[in-house]
Amino acid sequence: MTTHIRTLGTTGPQVFALGLGCMGMSALYGDADRGESIATVHAALEAGVTLLDTGDFYAMGHNEMLVGEALRAAPAARREQALVSVKFGALRGPDGNWSGYDGRPAAVRNFAAYSLQRLGVDHIDVYRIARLDPAVPIEETVGAIAELVEKGYVRHIGLSEVGAETIRRAAATAPISDLQIEYSLVSRGIEESVLPTTRELGIGITAYGVLSRGLISGHFTRDRQLAANDFRAHSPRFQGENLQHNLNLVDALRKIAEQKGASVAQIAIAWVLSRGEDIVPLVGARTRERLSESLGALDVTLDAADLAAIEEAVPADAAAGDRYPAAQMGHLGSK
């Protein structure tokens, strides 16, 4: 297995070629097994995956506590190598409903204090607001994180789901290590202006949704019934004719995977890996079995002919349906 290291931005920490997104272990994709989730985190650390991604609003703190528990139970050497990335700022009610984002400096400090306690750590490696707060200039939010860096509570400043203009304004305020944003075969919007901007500024990309929430994993079936607490039950790409169209794309990708002796998920992850040394895919594995499959992508080599075949099977903008429900699309930063 390849174990090369990629840098997460010119000013950021170094991480393994893949990161582990822990959100699905607590929320949005149906019920998860806590014991298996912790075992999966340990398996990732043992395999050399050092980047663990969470958010303080994932099941209202549950995910941070789970990650903290997993780190405490891990061997000391593995625990010390782990880098924790935390998203903050999303506001939720007791019923789980979403009510916007808060990027005020006082709120940043408050969110950080609670995250440090839940994670059981003395610092957060990468800290970022989950979505742009339209009422607060990004300079104020980033400036507040920079103060936490100065005090040793945060190591590196990140961004999440923002556009080129905001990236430039943030980078003019303080050094930005990384932008976390959705990027996959079926979500390629960053290629137009975001990716050129991050590369110009030396900012790394943490790509989430590399399997489009399981849609292009090769494991999602046309007759699958989703639980009410599964985000995908309300996602446009998983509805009706959209789903049928999108799974036809997966069928085309499966033919290429079979020729390469790989799984569909491995081909999809390998494609993201092929896009550049500055891009670190986050895999949302909730079990050791799925983690093992994802790690197998590191052994898949895609040559020019393979990449051309993949592009033909799944052209840019080929997916049907938005990546989020309409009500949430408005919260995605575009500037």
C-alpha atoms as a PDB file:
ATOM      1  CA  MET A   1       0.000   0.000   0.000  1.00  0.00           C
ATOM      2  CA  THR A   2       1.241   3.475  -0.850  1.00  0.00           C
ATOM      3  CA  THR A   3       1.973   5.506   2.271  1.00  0.00           C
ATOM      4  CA  HIS A   4       3.247   8.739   0.802  1.00  0.00           C
ATOM      5  CA  ILE A   5       2.564  11.987   2.631  1.00  0.00           C
ATOM      6  CA  ARG A   6       0.771  15.008   1.226  1.00  0.00           C
ATOM      7  CA  THR A   7       0.933  18.500   2.633  1.00  0.00           C
ATOM      8  CA  LEU A   8      -2.290  20.185   3.648  1.00  0.00           C
ATOM      9  CA  GLY A   9      -1.364  23.617   2.344  1.00  0.00           C
ATOM     10  CA  THR A  10       2.029  25.262   2.310  1.00  0.00           C
ATOM     11  CA  THR A  11       1.522  26.594   5.826  1.00  0.00           C
ATOM     12  CA  GLY A  12      -0.320  23.579   7.205  1.00  0.00           C
ATOM     13  CA  PRO A  13       0.352  20.217   8.793  1.00  0.00           C
ATOM     14  CA  GLN A  14       1.213  17.092   6.870  1.00  0.00           C
ATOM     15  CA  VAL A  15      -1.341  14.337   6.487  1.00  0.00           C
ATOM     16  CA  PHE A  16      -1.649  10.892   4.942  1.00  0.00           C
ATOM     17  CA  ALA A  17      -2.995  10.699   1.392  1.00  0.00           C
ATOM     18  CA  LEU A  18      -6.517  10.095   2.746  1.00  0.00           C
ATOM     19  CA  GLY A  19      -8.380  11.591   5.681  1.00  0.00           C
ATOM     20  CA  LEU A  20     -11.262  10.071   7.653  1.00  0.00           C
ATOM     21  CA  GLY A  21     -14.510  12.026   7.785  1.00  0.00           C
ATOM     22  CA  CYS A  22     -16.279  11.030  11.003  1.00  0.00           C
ATOM     23  CA  MET A  23     -19.652  12.745  10.511  1.00  0.00           C
ATOM     24  CA  GLY A  24     -21.504   9.594   9.434  1.00  0.00           C
ATOM     25  CA  MET A  25     -20.554   7.920  12.704  1.00  0.00           C
ATOM     26  CA  SER A  26     -22.970  10.211  14.520  1.00  0.00           C
ATOM     27  CA  ALA A  27     -25.472  11.837  12.227  1.00  0.00           C
ATOM     28  CA  LEU A  28     -27.217  12.303   8.901  1.00  0.00           C
ATOM     29  CA  TYR A  29     -26.753   8.832   7.402  1.00  0.00           C
ATOM     30  CA  GLY A  30     -28.955   6.734   9.645  1.00  0.00           C
ATOM     31  CA  ASP A  31     -27.984   4.831  12.757  1.00  0.00           C
ATOM     32  CA  ALA A  32     -24.336   3.916  13.368  1.00  0.00           C
ATOM     33  CA  ASP A  33     -22.652   1.479  15.738  1.00  0.00           C
ATOM     34  CA  ARG A  34     -20.500   3.328  18.290  1.00  0.00           C
ATOM     35  CA  GLY A  35     -18.163   0.409  18.933  1.00  0.00           C
ATOM     36  CA  GLU A  36     -17.584  -0.161  15.232  1.00  0.00           C
ATOM     37  CA  SER A  37     -17.105   3.564  14.686  1.00  0.00           C
ATOM     38  CA  ILE A  38     -14.352   3.731  17.303  1.00  0.00           C
ATOM     39  CA  ALA A  39     -12.777   0.573  15.899  1.00  0.00           C
ATOM     40  CA  THR A  40     -12.808   2.198  12.460  1.00  0.00           C
ATOM     41  CA  VAL A  41     -11.019   5.293  13.770  1.00  0.00           C
ATOM     42  CA  HIS A  42      -8.406   3.048  15.375  1.00  0.00           C
ATOM     43  CA  ALA A  43      -8.001   1.047  12.152  1.00  0.00           C
ATOM     44  CA  ALA A  44      -7.513   4.286  10.213  1.00  0.00           C
ATOM     45  CA  LEU A  45      -4.845   5.501  12.622  1.00  0.00           C
ATOM     46  CA  GLU A  46      -3.123   2.115  12.483  1.00  0.00           C
ATOM     47  CA  ALA A  47      -3.109   2.283   8.672  1.00  0.00           C
ATOM     48  CA  GLY A  48      -1.371   5.650   8.813  1.00  0.00           C
ATOM     49  CA  VAL A  49      -4.364   7.926   8.283  1.00  0.00           C
ATOM     50  CA  THR A  50      -3.660  10.925  10.474  1.00  0.00           C
ATOM     51  CA  LEU A  51      -6.394  13.422   9.528  1.00  0.00           C
ATOM     52  CA  LEU A  52      -9.689  13.047  11.416  1.00  0.00           C
ATOM     53  CA  ASP A  53     -12.475  15.442  10.442  1.00  0.00           C
ATOM     54  CA  THR A  54     -15.422  16.338  12.654  1.00  0.00           C
ATOM     55  CA  GLY A  55     -17.792  19.214  13.426  1.00  0.00           C
ATOM     56  CA  ASP A  56     -19.127  20.539  16.717  1.00  0.00           C
ATOM     57  CA  PHE A  57     -22.677  20.414  15.331  1.00  0.00           C
ATOM     58  CA  TYR A  58     -22.560  16.780  14.176  1.00  0.00           C
ATOM     59  CA  ALA A  59     -25.320  15.355  16.362  1.00  0.00           C
ATOM     60  CA  MET A  60     -24.846  18.348  18.677  1.00  0.00           C
ATOM     61  CA  GLY A  61     -21.422  17.412  20.006  1.00  0.00           C
ATOM     62  CA  HIS A  62     -21.833  13.632  19.844  1.00  0.00           C
ATOM     63  CA  ASN A  63     -19.263  13.255  17.073  1.00  0.00           C
ATOM     64  CA  GLU A  64     -16.599  15.266  18.859  1.00  0.00           C
ATOM     65  CA  MET A  65     -17.085  13.181  21.990  1.00  0.00           C
ATOM     66  CA  LEU A  66     -16.835   9.991  19.913  1.00  0.00           C
ATOM     67  CA  VAL A  67     -13.613  11.162  18.262  1.00  0.00           C
ATOM     68  CA  GLY A  68     -12.269  12.169  21.665  1.00  0.00           C
ATOM     69  CA  GLU A  69     -13.106   8.739  23.082  1.00  0.00           C
ATOM     70  CA  ALA A  70     -11.423   7.030  20.135  1.00  0.00           C
ATOM     71  CA  LEU A  71      -8.275   9.125  20.589  1.00  0.00           C
ATOM     72  CA  ARG A  72      -8.075   8.436  24.326  1.00  0.00           C
ATOM     73  CA  ALA A  73      -8.339   4.702  23.676  1.00  0.00           C
ATOM     74  CA  ALA A  74      -5.757   4.703  20.872  1.00  0.00           C
ATOM     75  CA  PRO A  75      -2.092   3.798  21.444  1.00  0.00           C
ATOM     76  CA  ALA A  76      -0.120   6.868  22.499  1.00  0.00           C
ATOM     77  CA  ALA A  77       2.005   6.930  19.343  1.00  0.00           C
ATOM     78  CA  ARG A  78      -1.067   6.862  17.093  1.00  0.00           C
ATOM     79  CA  ARG A  79      -2.855   9.454  19.198  1.00  0.00           C
ATOM     80  CA  GLU A  80       0.077  11.838  18.962  1.00  0.00           C
ATOM     81  CA  GLN A  81       0.150  11.527  15.160  1.00  0.00           C
ATOM     82  CA  ALA A  82      -3.558  12.309  14.786  1.00  0.00           C
ATOM     83  CA  LEU A  83      -4.559  15.691  13.376  1.00  0.00           C
ATOM     84  CA  VAL A  84      -8.088  16.809  14.215  1.00  0.00           C
ATOM     85  CA  SER A  85      -9.974  19.161  11.900  1.00  0.00           C
ATOM     86  CA  VAL A  86     -13.070  20.798  13.390  1.00  0.00           C
ATOM     87  CA  LYS A  87     -15.848  22.767  11.710  1.00  0.00           C
ATOM     88  CA  PHE A  88     -17.901  25.161  13.826  1.00  0.00           C
ATOM     89  CA  GLY A  89     -20.556  27.821  13.511  1.00  0.00           C
ATOM     90  CA  ALA A  90     -23.717  25.918  12.554  1.00  0.00           C
ATOM     91  CA  LEU A  91     -26.653  26.733  14.825  1.00  0.00           C
ATOM     92  CA  ARG A  92     -29.141  24.007  15.723  1.00  0.00           C
ATOM     93  CA  GLY A  93     -32.174  23.630  17.941  1.00  0.00           C
ATOM     94  CA  PRO A  94     -33.126  20.840  20.377  1.00  0.00           C
ATOM     95  CA  ASP A  95     -35.183  19.273  17.586  1.00  0.00           C
ATOM     96  CA  GLY A  96     -32.110  19.148  15.341  1.00  0.00           C
ATOM     97  CA  ASN A  97     -33.315  21.874  12.987  1.00  0.00           C
ATOM     98  CA  TRP A  98     -30.777  24.243  11.449  1.00  0.00           C
ATOM     99  CA  SER A  99     -30.985  27.992  12.074  1.00  0.00           C
ATOM    100  CA  GLY A 100     -28.018  29.560  10.339  1.00  0.00           C
ATOM    101  CA  TYR A 101     -24.368  30.215  11.167  1.00  0.00           C
ATOM    102  CA  ASP A 102     -22.547  32.371  13.687  1.00  0.00           C
ATOM    103  CA  GLY A 103     -19.096  33.680  12.827  1.00  0.00           C
ATOM    104  CA  ARG A 104     -18.818  36.467  15.408  1.00  0.00           C
ATOM    105  CA  PRO A 105     -15.456  36.517  17.231  1.00  0.00           C
ATOM    106  CA  ALA A 106     -17.103  35.921  20.619  1.00  0.00           C
ATOM    107  CA  ALA A 107     -18.941  32.933  19.171  1.00  0.00           C
ATOM    108  CA  VAL A 108     -15.726  31.563  17.647  1.00  0.00           C
ATOM    109  CA  ARG A 109     -14.043  31.580  21.042  1.00  0.00           C
ATOM    110  CA  ASN A 110     -17.099  29.999  22.657  1.00  0.00           C
ATOM    111  CA  PHE A 111     -17.362  27.230  20.061  1.00  0.00           C
ATOM    112  CA  ALA A 112     -13.649  26.475  20.431  1.00  0.00           C
ATOM    113  CA  ALA A 113     -13.869  26.205  24.217  1.00  0.00           C
ATOM    114  CA  TYR A 114     -16.612  23.593  23.995  1.00  0.00           C
ATOM    115  CA  SER A 115     -14.835  21.634  21.242  1.00  0.00           C
ATOM    116  CA  LEU A 116     -11.592  21.433  23.226  1.00  0.00           C
ATOM    117  CA  GLN A 117     -13.553  20.061  26.173  1.00  0.00           C
ATOM    118  CA  ARG A 118     -15.522  17.498  24.167  1.00  0.00           C
ATOM    119  CA  LEU A 119     -12.475  16.287  22.261  1.00  0.00           C
ATOM    120  CA  GLY A 120     -10.340  16.172  25.401  1.00  0.00           C
ATOM    121  CA  VAL A 121      -7.413  17.933  23.700  1.00  0.00           C
ATOM    122  CA  ASP A 122      -5.425  21.070  24.431  1.00  0.00           C
ATOM    123  CA  HIS A 123      -5.456  22.280  20.839  1.00  0.00           C
ATOM    124  CA  ILE A 124      -7.322  21.812  17.549  1.00  0.00           C
ATOM    125  CA  ASP A 125      -5.124  21.193  14.526  1.00  0.00           C
ATOM    126  CA  VAL A 126      -7.330  22.795  11.844  1.00  0.00           C
ATOM    127  CA  TYR A 127     -10.266  25.040  12.779  1.00  0.00           C
ATOM    128  CA  ARG A 128     -12.783  26.440  10.312  1.00  0.00           C
ATOM    129  CA  ILE A 129     -16.276  27.869  10.144  1.00  0.00           C
ATOM    130  CA  ALA A 130     -18.555  25.363   8.406  1.00  0.00           C
ATOM    131  CA  ARG A 131     -20.292  27.908   6.204  1.00  0.00           C
ATOM    132  CA  LEU A 132     -19.892  31.631   5.720  1.00  0.00           C
ATOM    133  CA  ASP A 133     -21.924  33.762   8.114  1.00  0.00           C
ATOM    134  CA  PRO A 134     -23.411  36.416   5.789  1.00  0.00           C
ATOM    135  CA  ALA A 135     -23.767  38.858   8.705  1.00  0.00           C
ATOM    136  CA  VAL A 136     -20.088  38.761   9.701  1.00  0.00           C
ATOM    137  CA  PRO A 137     -17.152  39.671   7.438  1.00  0.00           C
ATOM    138  CA  ILE A 138     -14.852  36.703   6.932  1.00  0.00           C
ATOM    139  CA  GLU A 139     -11.985  38.904   8.128  1.00  0.00           C
ATOM    140  CA  GLU A 140     -13.547  39.045  11.601  1.00  0.00           C
ATOM    141  CA  THR A 141     -14.115  35.300  11.800  1.00  0.00           C
ATOM    142  CA  VAL A 142     -10.639  34.417  10.538  1.00  0.00           C
ATOM    143  CA  GLY A 143      -9.124  37.088  12.772  1.00  0.00           C
ATOM    144  CA  ALA A 144     -10.734  35.430  15.797  1.00  0.00           C
ATOM    145  CA  ILE A 145      -9.284  32.049  14.810  1.00  0.00           C
ATOM    146  CA  ALA A 146      -5.899  33.721  14.335  1.00  0.00           C
ATOM    147  CA  GLU A 147      -6.091  34.914  17.944  1.00  0.00           C
ATOM    148  CA  LEU A 148      -6.713  31.305  19.012  1.00  0.00           C
ATOM    149  CA  VAL A 149      -3.633  30.297  17.012  1.00  0.00           C
ATOM    150  CA  GLU A 150      -1.572  32.917  18.843  1.00  0.00           C
ATOM    151  CA  LYS A 151      -2.762  31.543  22.187  1.00  0.00           C
ATOM    152  CA  GLY A 152      -1.998  27.932  21.210  1.00  0.00           C
ATOM    153  CA  TYR A 153      -5.575  26.646  21.137  1.00  0.00           C
ATOM    154  CA  VAL A 154      -5.551  26.192  17.343  1.00  0.00           C
ATOM    155  CA  ARG A 155      -2.650  25.223  15.083  1.00  0.00           C
ATOM    156  CA  HIS A 156      -3.937  26.098  11.617  1.00  0.00           C
ATOM    157  CA  ILE A 157      -6.782  28.073  10.057  1.00  0.00           C
ATOM    158  CA  GLY A 158      -9.075  26.449   7.517  1.00  0.00           C
ATOM    159  CA  LEU A 159     -12.057  27.446   5.410  1.00  0.00           C
ATOM    160  CA  SER A 160     -15.103  25.482   4.282  1.00  0.00           C
ATOM    161  CA  GLU A 161     -17.397  25.792   1.268  1.00  0.00           C
ATOM    162  CA  VAL A 162     -16.478  29.312   0.210  1.00  0.00           C
ATOM    163  CA  GLY A 163     -15.672  30.831  -3.155  1.00  0.00           C
ATOM    164  CA  ALA A 164     -12.611  32.499  -4.630  1.00  0.00           C
ATOM    165  CA  GLU A 165     -13.350  36.029  -3.404  1.00  0.00           C
ATOM    166  CA  THR A 166     -13.801  34.919   0.205  1.00  0.00           C
ATOM    167  CA  ILE A 167     -10.666  32.772   0.018  1.00  0.00           C
ATOM    168  CA  ARG A 168      -8.632  35.801  -1.060  1.00  0.00           C
ATOM    169  CA  ARG A 169     -10.063  38.011   1.689  1.00  0.00           C
ATOM    170  CA  ALA A 170      -9.422  35.346   4.311  1.00  0.00           C
ATOM    171  CA  ALA A 171      -5.860  34.746   3.107  1.00  0.00           C
ATOM    172  CA  ALA A 172      -5.171  38.490   3.261  1.00  0.00           C
ATOM    173  CA  THR A 173      -6.178  38.419   6.942  1.00  0.00           C
ATOM    174  CA  ALA A 174      -4.158  35.427   8.158  1.00  0.00           C
ATOM    175  CA  PRO A 175      -2.372  32.350   6.733  1.00  0.00           C
ATOM    176  CA  ILE A 176      -4.927  29.797   5.512  1.00  0.00           C
ATOM    177  CA  SER A 177      -3.818  26.171   5.448  1.00  0.00           C
ATOM    178  CA  ASP A 178      -6.737  24.437   3.845  1.00  0.00           C
ATOM    179  CA  LEU A 179     -10.143  24.699   2.199  1.00  0.00           C
ATOM    180  CA  GLN A 180     -12.597  21.901   2.819  1.00  0.00           C
ATOM    181  CA  ILE A 181     -15.078  21.621  -0.035  1.00  0.00           C
ATOM    182  CA  GLU A 182     -17.041  18.979  -1.911  1.00  0.00           C
ATOM    183  CA  TYR A 183     -15.187  17.506  -4.865  1.00  0.00           C
ATOM    184  CA  SER A 184     -15.835  14.287  -6.726  1.00  0.00           C
ATOM    185  CA  LEU A 185     -16.453  12.911 -10.178  1.00  0.00           C
ATOM    186  CA  VAL A 186     -20.024  14.208  -9.952  1.00  0.00           C
ATOM    187  CA  SER A 187     -19.297  17.454  -8.057  1.00  0.00           C
ATOM    188  CA  ARG A 188     -16.665  19.387  -9.971  1.00  0.00           C
ATOM    189  CA  GLY A 189     -17.724  22.980  -9.397  1.00  0.00           C
ATOM    190  CA  ILE A 190     -14.427  23.956  -7.761  1.00  0.00           C
ATOM    191  CA  GLU A 191     -12.475  23.498 -10.987  1.00  0.00           C
ATOM    192  CA  GLU A 192     -13.598  26.789 -12.519  1.00  0.00           C
ATOM    193  CA  SER A 193     -12.354  29.363 -10.011  1.00  0.00           C
ATOM    194  CA  VAL A 194     -11.857  27.882  -6.532  1.00  0.00           C
ATOM    195  CA  LEU A 195      -9.090  25.397  -7.342  1.00  0.00           C
ATOM    196  CA  PRO A 196      -7.053  27.888  -9.401  1.00  0.00           C
ATOM    197  CA  THR A 197      -7.306  30.350  -6.495  1.00  0.00           C
ATOM    198  CA  THR A 198      -6.185  27.914  -3.808  1.00  0.00           C
ATOM    199  CA  ARG A 199      -3.287  26.813  -5.985  1.00  0.00           C
ATOM    200  CA  GLU A 200      -2.232  30.393  -6.599  1.00  0.00           C
ATOM    201  CA  LEU A 201      -2.266  31.064  -2.849  1.00  0.00           C
ATOM    202  CA  GLY A 202      -0.709  27.755  -1.779  1.00  0.00           C
ATOM    203  CA  ILE A 203      -3.818  26.561   0.068  1.00  0.00           C
ATOM    204  CA  GLY A 204      -4.557  22.834   0.219  1.00  0.00           C
ATOM    205  CA  ILE A 205      -7.903  21.195  -0.505  1.00  0.00           C
ATOM    206  CA  THR A 206      -9.606  18.674   1.751  1.00  0.00           C
ATOM    207  CA  ALA A 207     -12.159  17.094  -0.567  1.00  0.00           C
ATOM    208  CA  TYR A 208     -15.262  15.735   1.102  1.00  0.00           C
ATOM    209  CA  GLY A 209     -18.086  13.870  -0.615  1.00  0.00           C
ATOM    210  CA  VAL A 210     -15.629  11.987  -2.832  1.00  0.00           C
ATOM    211  CA  LEU A 211     -18.204   9.196  -3.160  1.00  0.00           C
ATOM    212  CA  SER A 212     -21.085  11.675  -3.257  1.00  0.00           C
ATOM    213  CA  ARG A 213     -22.510  10.333   0.012  1.00  0.00           C
ATOM    214  CA  GLY A 214     -22.354   6.766  -1.229  1.00  0.00           C
ATOM    215  CA  LEU A 215     -24.055   7.505  -4.554  1.00  0.00           C
ATOM    216  CA  ILE A 216     -20.969   6.565  -6.588  1.00  0.00           C
ATOM    217  CA  SER A 217     -19.607   4.019  -4.116  1.00  0.00           C
ATOM    218  CA  GLY A 218     -20.923   1.075  -6.112  1.00  0.00           C
ATOM    219  CA  HIS A 219     -22.905  -0.085  -3.082  1.00  0.00           C
ATOM    220  CA  PHE A 220     -26.058   2.015  -3.452  1.00  0.00           C
ATOM    221  CA  THR A 221     -28.905   0.095  -5.118  1.00  0.00           C
ATOM    222  CA  ARG A 222     -31.956   1.346  -6.971  1.00  0.00           C
ATOM    223  CA  ASP A 223     -34.378  -0.247  -4.521  1.00  0.00           C
ATOM    224  CA  ARG A 224     -32.658   0.843  -1.315  1.00  0.00           C
ATOM    225  CA  GLN A 225     -34.973   2.313   1.308  1.00  0.00           C
ATOM    226  CA  LEU A 226     -33.496   5.163   3.330  1.00  0.00           C
ATOM    227  CA  ALA A 227     -34.358   5.862   6.956  1.00  0.00           C
ATOM    228  CA  ALA A 228     -36.067   9.122   7.841  1.00  0.00           C
ATOM    229  CA  ASN A 229     -32.931  10.274   9.703  1.00  0.00           C
ATOM    230  CA  ASP A 230     -30.774   9.701   6.629  1.00  0.00           C
ATOM    231  CA  PHE A 231     -29.834  12.956   4.887  1.00  0.00           C
ATOM    232  CA  ARG A 232     -30.009  11.241   1.512  1.00  0.00           C
ATOM    233  CA  ALA A 233     -33.753  10.641   1.862  1.00  0.00           C
ATOM    234  CA  HIS A 234     -34.129  14.364   1.136  1.00  0.00           C
ATOM    235  CA  SER A 235     -31.192  14.859  -1.230  1.00  0.00           C
ATOM    236  CA  PRO A 236     -32.167  15.643  -4.847  1.00  0.00           C
ATOM    237  CA  ARG A 237     -29.551  13.285  -6.280  1.00  0.00           C
ATOM    238  CA  PHE A 238     -31.169  10.323  -4.535  1.00  0.00           C
ATOM    239  CA  GLN A 239     -34.713  11.016  -5.708  1.00  0.00           C
ATOM    240  CA  GLY A 240     -36.732   9.317  -8.466  1.00  0.00           C
ATOM    241  CA  GLU A 241     -35.463   9.836 -11.983  1.00  0.00           C
ATOM    242  CA  ASN A 242     -32.367  11.622 -10.688  1.00  0.00           C
ATOM    243  CA  LEU A 243     -31.336   8.509  -8.813  1.00  0.00           C
ATOM    244  CA  GLN A 244     -31.913   6.271 -11.822  1.00  0.00           C
ATOM    245  CA  HIS A 245     -29.843   8.573 -14.030  1.00  0.00           C
ATOM    246  CA  ASN A 246     -27.021   8.807 -11.513  1.00  0.00           C
ATOM    247  CA  LEU A 247     -26.853   5.066 -10.957  1.00  0.00           C
ATOM    248  CA  ASN A 248     -26.578   4.625 -14.717  1.00  0.00           C
ATOM    249  CA  LEU A 249     -23.376   6.664 -14.447  1.00  0.00           C
ATOM    250  CA  VAL A 250     -22.192   4.301 -11.716  1.00  0.00           C
ATOM    251  CA  ASP A 251     -22.895   1.322 -13.967  1.00  0.00           C
ATOM    252  CA  ALA A 252     -20.647   2.862 -16.625  1.00  0.00           C
ATOM    253  CA  LEU A 253     -17.958   3.477 -14.007  1.00  0.00           C
ATOM    254  CA  ARG A 254     -18.277  -0.115 -12.803  1.00  0.00           C
ATOM    255  CA  LYS A 255     -17.137  -1.417 -16.182  1.00  0.00           C
ATOM    256  CA  ILE A 256     -13.915   0.543 -15.873  1.00  0.00           C
ATOM    257  CA  ALA A 257     -13.428  -0.653 -12.297  1.00  0.00           C
ATOM    258  CA  GLU A 258     -13.806  -4.275 -13.347  1.00  0.00           C
ATOM    259  CA  GLN A 259     -11.188  -3.816 -16.053  1.00  0.00           C
ATOM    260  CA  LYS A 260      -8.794  -2.363 -13.469  1.00  0.00           C
ATOM    261  CA  GLY A 261      -9.502  -5.077 -10.910  1.00  0.00           C
ATOM    262  CA  ALA A 262     -10.776  -2.458  -8.482  1.00  0.00           C
ATOM    263  CA  SER A 263     -14.075  -1.513  -6.886  1.00  0.00           C
ATOM    264  CA  VAL A 264     -16.180   1.417  -8.050  1.00  0.00           C
ATOM    265  CA  ALA A 265     -15.389   3.288  -4.825  1.00  0.00           C
ATOM    266  CA  GLN A 266     -11.661   2.778  -5.323  1.00  0.00           C
ATOM    267  CA  ILE A 267     -11.830   4.167  -8.856  1.00  0.00           C
ATOM    268  CA  ALA A 268     -13.816   7.206  -7.681  1.00  0.00           C
ATOM    269  CA  ILE A 269     -11.351   7.919  -4.861  1.00  0.00           C
ATOM    270  CA  ALA A 270      -8.346   7.294  -7.100  1.00  0.00           C
ATOM    271  CA  TRP A 271      -9.741   9.845  -9.559  1.00  0.00           C
ATOM    272  CA  VAL A 272      -9.786  12.507  -6.830  1.00  0.00           C
ATOM    273  CA  LEU A 273      -6.254  11.521  -5.816  1.00  0.00           C
ATOM    274  CA  SER A 274      -5.180  11.984  -9.431  1.00  0.00           C
ATOM    275  CA  ARG A 275      -6.273  15.629  -9.457  1.00  0.00           C
ATOM    276  CA  GLY A 276      -3.225  16.902  -7.624  1.00  0.00           C
ATOM    277  CA  GLU A 277      -0.852  16.564  -4.704  1.00  0.00           C
ATOM    278  CA  ASP A 278      -2.627  19.437  -2.961  1.00  0.00           C
ATOM    279  CA  ILE A 279      -5.918  17.519  -2.679  1.00  0.00           C
ATOM    280  CA  VAL A 280      -6.603  15.192   0.250  1.00  0.00           C
ATOM    281  CA  PRO A 281      -9.783  13.101  -0.110  1.00  0.00           C
ATOM    282  CA  LEU A 282     -11.858  12.547   3.009  1.00  0.00           C
ATOM    283  CA  VAL A 283     -13.475   9.119   3.098  1.00  0.00           C
ATOM    284  CA  GLY A 284     -16.599   8.787   5.194  1.00  0.00           C
ATOM    285  CA  ALA A 285     -16.149   5.143   6.118  1.00  0.00           C
ATOM    286  CA  ARG A 286     -18.265   4.072   9.100  1.00  0.00           C
ATOM    287  CA  THR A 287     -16.959   0.513   9.256  1.00  0.00           C
ATOM    288  CA  ARG A 288     -13.580  -1.164   9.032  1.00  0.00           C
ATOM    289  CA  GLU A 289     -14.723  -3.001   5.913  1.00  0.00           C
ATOM    290  CA  ARG A 290     -15.520   0.216   4.058  1.00  0.00           C
ATOM    291  CA  LEU A 291     -12.328   1.831   5.347  1.00  0.00           C
ATOM    292  CA  SER A 292     -10.255  -1.057   4.003  1.00  0.00           C
ATOM    293  CA  GLU A 293     -11.911  -0.705   0.611  1.00  0.00           C
ATOM    294  CA  SER A 294     -11.230   3.044   0.544  1.00  0.00           C
ATOM    295  CA  LEU A 295      -7.579   2.577   1.476  1.00  0.00           C
ATOM    296  CA  GLY A 296      -7.274   0.208  -1.469  1.00  0.00           C
ATOM    297  CA  ALA A 297      -7.635   3.255  -3.730  1.00  0.00           C
ATOM    298  CA  LEU A 298      -4.056   4.121  -2.868  1.00  0.00           C
ATOM    299  CA  ASP A 299      -2.932   1.071  -4.823  1.00  0.00           C
ATOM    300  CA  VAL A 300      -4.906   2.025  -7.939  1.00  0.00           C
ATOM    301  CA  THR A 301      -2.866   3.743 -10.637  1.00  0.00           C
ATOM    302  CA  LEU A 302      -4.807   5.612 -13.286  1.00  0.00           C
ATOM    303  CA  ASP A 303      -2.989   6.320 -16.538  1.00  0.00           C
ATOM    304  CA  ALA A 304      -4.071   8.782 -19.216  1.00  0.00           C
ATOM    305  CA  ALA A 305      -6.243   6.173 -20.952  1.00  0.00           C
ATOM    306  CA  ASP A 306      -7.960   5.290 -17.676  1.00  0.00           C
ATOM    307  CA  LEU A 307      -8.668   8.939 -16.897  1.00  0.00           C
ATOM    308  CA  ALA A 308     -10.067   9.508 -20.390  1.00  0.00           C
ATOM    309  CA  ALA A 309     -12.352   6.491 -20.011  1.00  0.00           C
ATOM    310  CA  ILE A 310     -13.569   7.742 -16.625  1.00  0.00           C
ATOM    311  CA  GLU A 311     -14.281  11.189 -18.051  1.00  0.00           C
ATOM    312  CA  GLU A 312     -16.247   9.602 -20.880  1.00  0.00           C
ATOM    313  CA  ALA A 313     -18.244   7.432 -18.470  1.00  0.00           C
ATOM    314  CA  VAL A 314     -18.945  10.292 -16.050  1.00  0.00           C
ATOM    315  CA  PRO A 315     -18.532  13.648 -17.797  1.00  0.00           C
ATOM    316  CA  ALA A 316     -18.366  16.853 -15.794  1.00  0.00           C
ATOM    317  CA  ASP A 317     -21.869  18.068 -14.832  1.00  0.00           C
ATOM    318  CA  ALA A 318     -23.328  14.656 -15.724  1.00  0.00           C
ATOM    319  CA  ALA A 319     -25.057  14.154 -12.363  1.00  0.00           C
ATOM    320  CA  ALA A 320     -28.772  14.842 -12.066  1.00  0.00           C
ATOM    321  CA  GLY A 321     -29.969  16.923  -9.115  1.00  0.00           C
ATOM    322  CA  ASP A 322     -28.311  19.393  -6.768  1.00  0.00           C
ATOM    323  CA  ARG A 323     -25.945  18.080  -4.120  1.00  0.00           C
ATOM    324  CA  TYR A 324     -28.073  19.584  -1.313  1.00  0.00           C
ATOM    325  CA  PRO A 325     -31.818  20.220  -0.898  1.00  0.00           C
ATOM    326  CA  ALA A 326     -32.854  23.652  -2.148  1.00  0.00           C
ATOM    327  CA  ALA A 327     -33.194  25.097   1.367  1.00  0.00           C
ATOM    328  CA  GLN A 328     -29.551  24.289   2.118  1.00  0.00           C
ATOM    329  CA  MET A 329     -28.063  25.374  -1.187  1.00  0.00           C
ATOM    330  CA  GLY A 330     -28.459  28.995  -0.110  1.00  0.00           C
ATOM    331  CA  HIS A 331     -26.063  28.443   2.803  1.00  0.00           C
ATOM    332  CA  LEU A 332     -23.181  27.442   0.516  1.00  0.00           C
ATOM    333  CA  GLY A 333     -20.698  30.248   0.034  1.00  0.00           C
ATOM    334  CA  SER A 334     -20.271  31.144  -3.629  1.00  0.00           C
ATOM    335  CA  LYS A 335     -18.133  34.278  -3.389  1.00  0.00           C
END
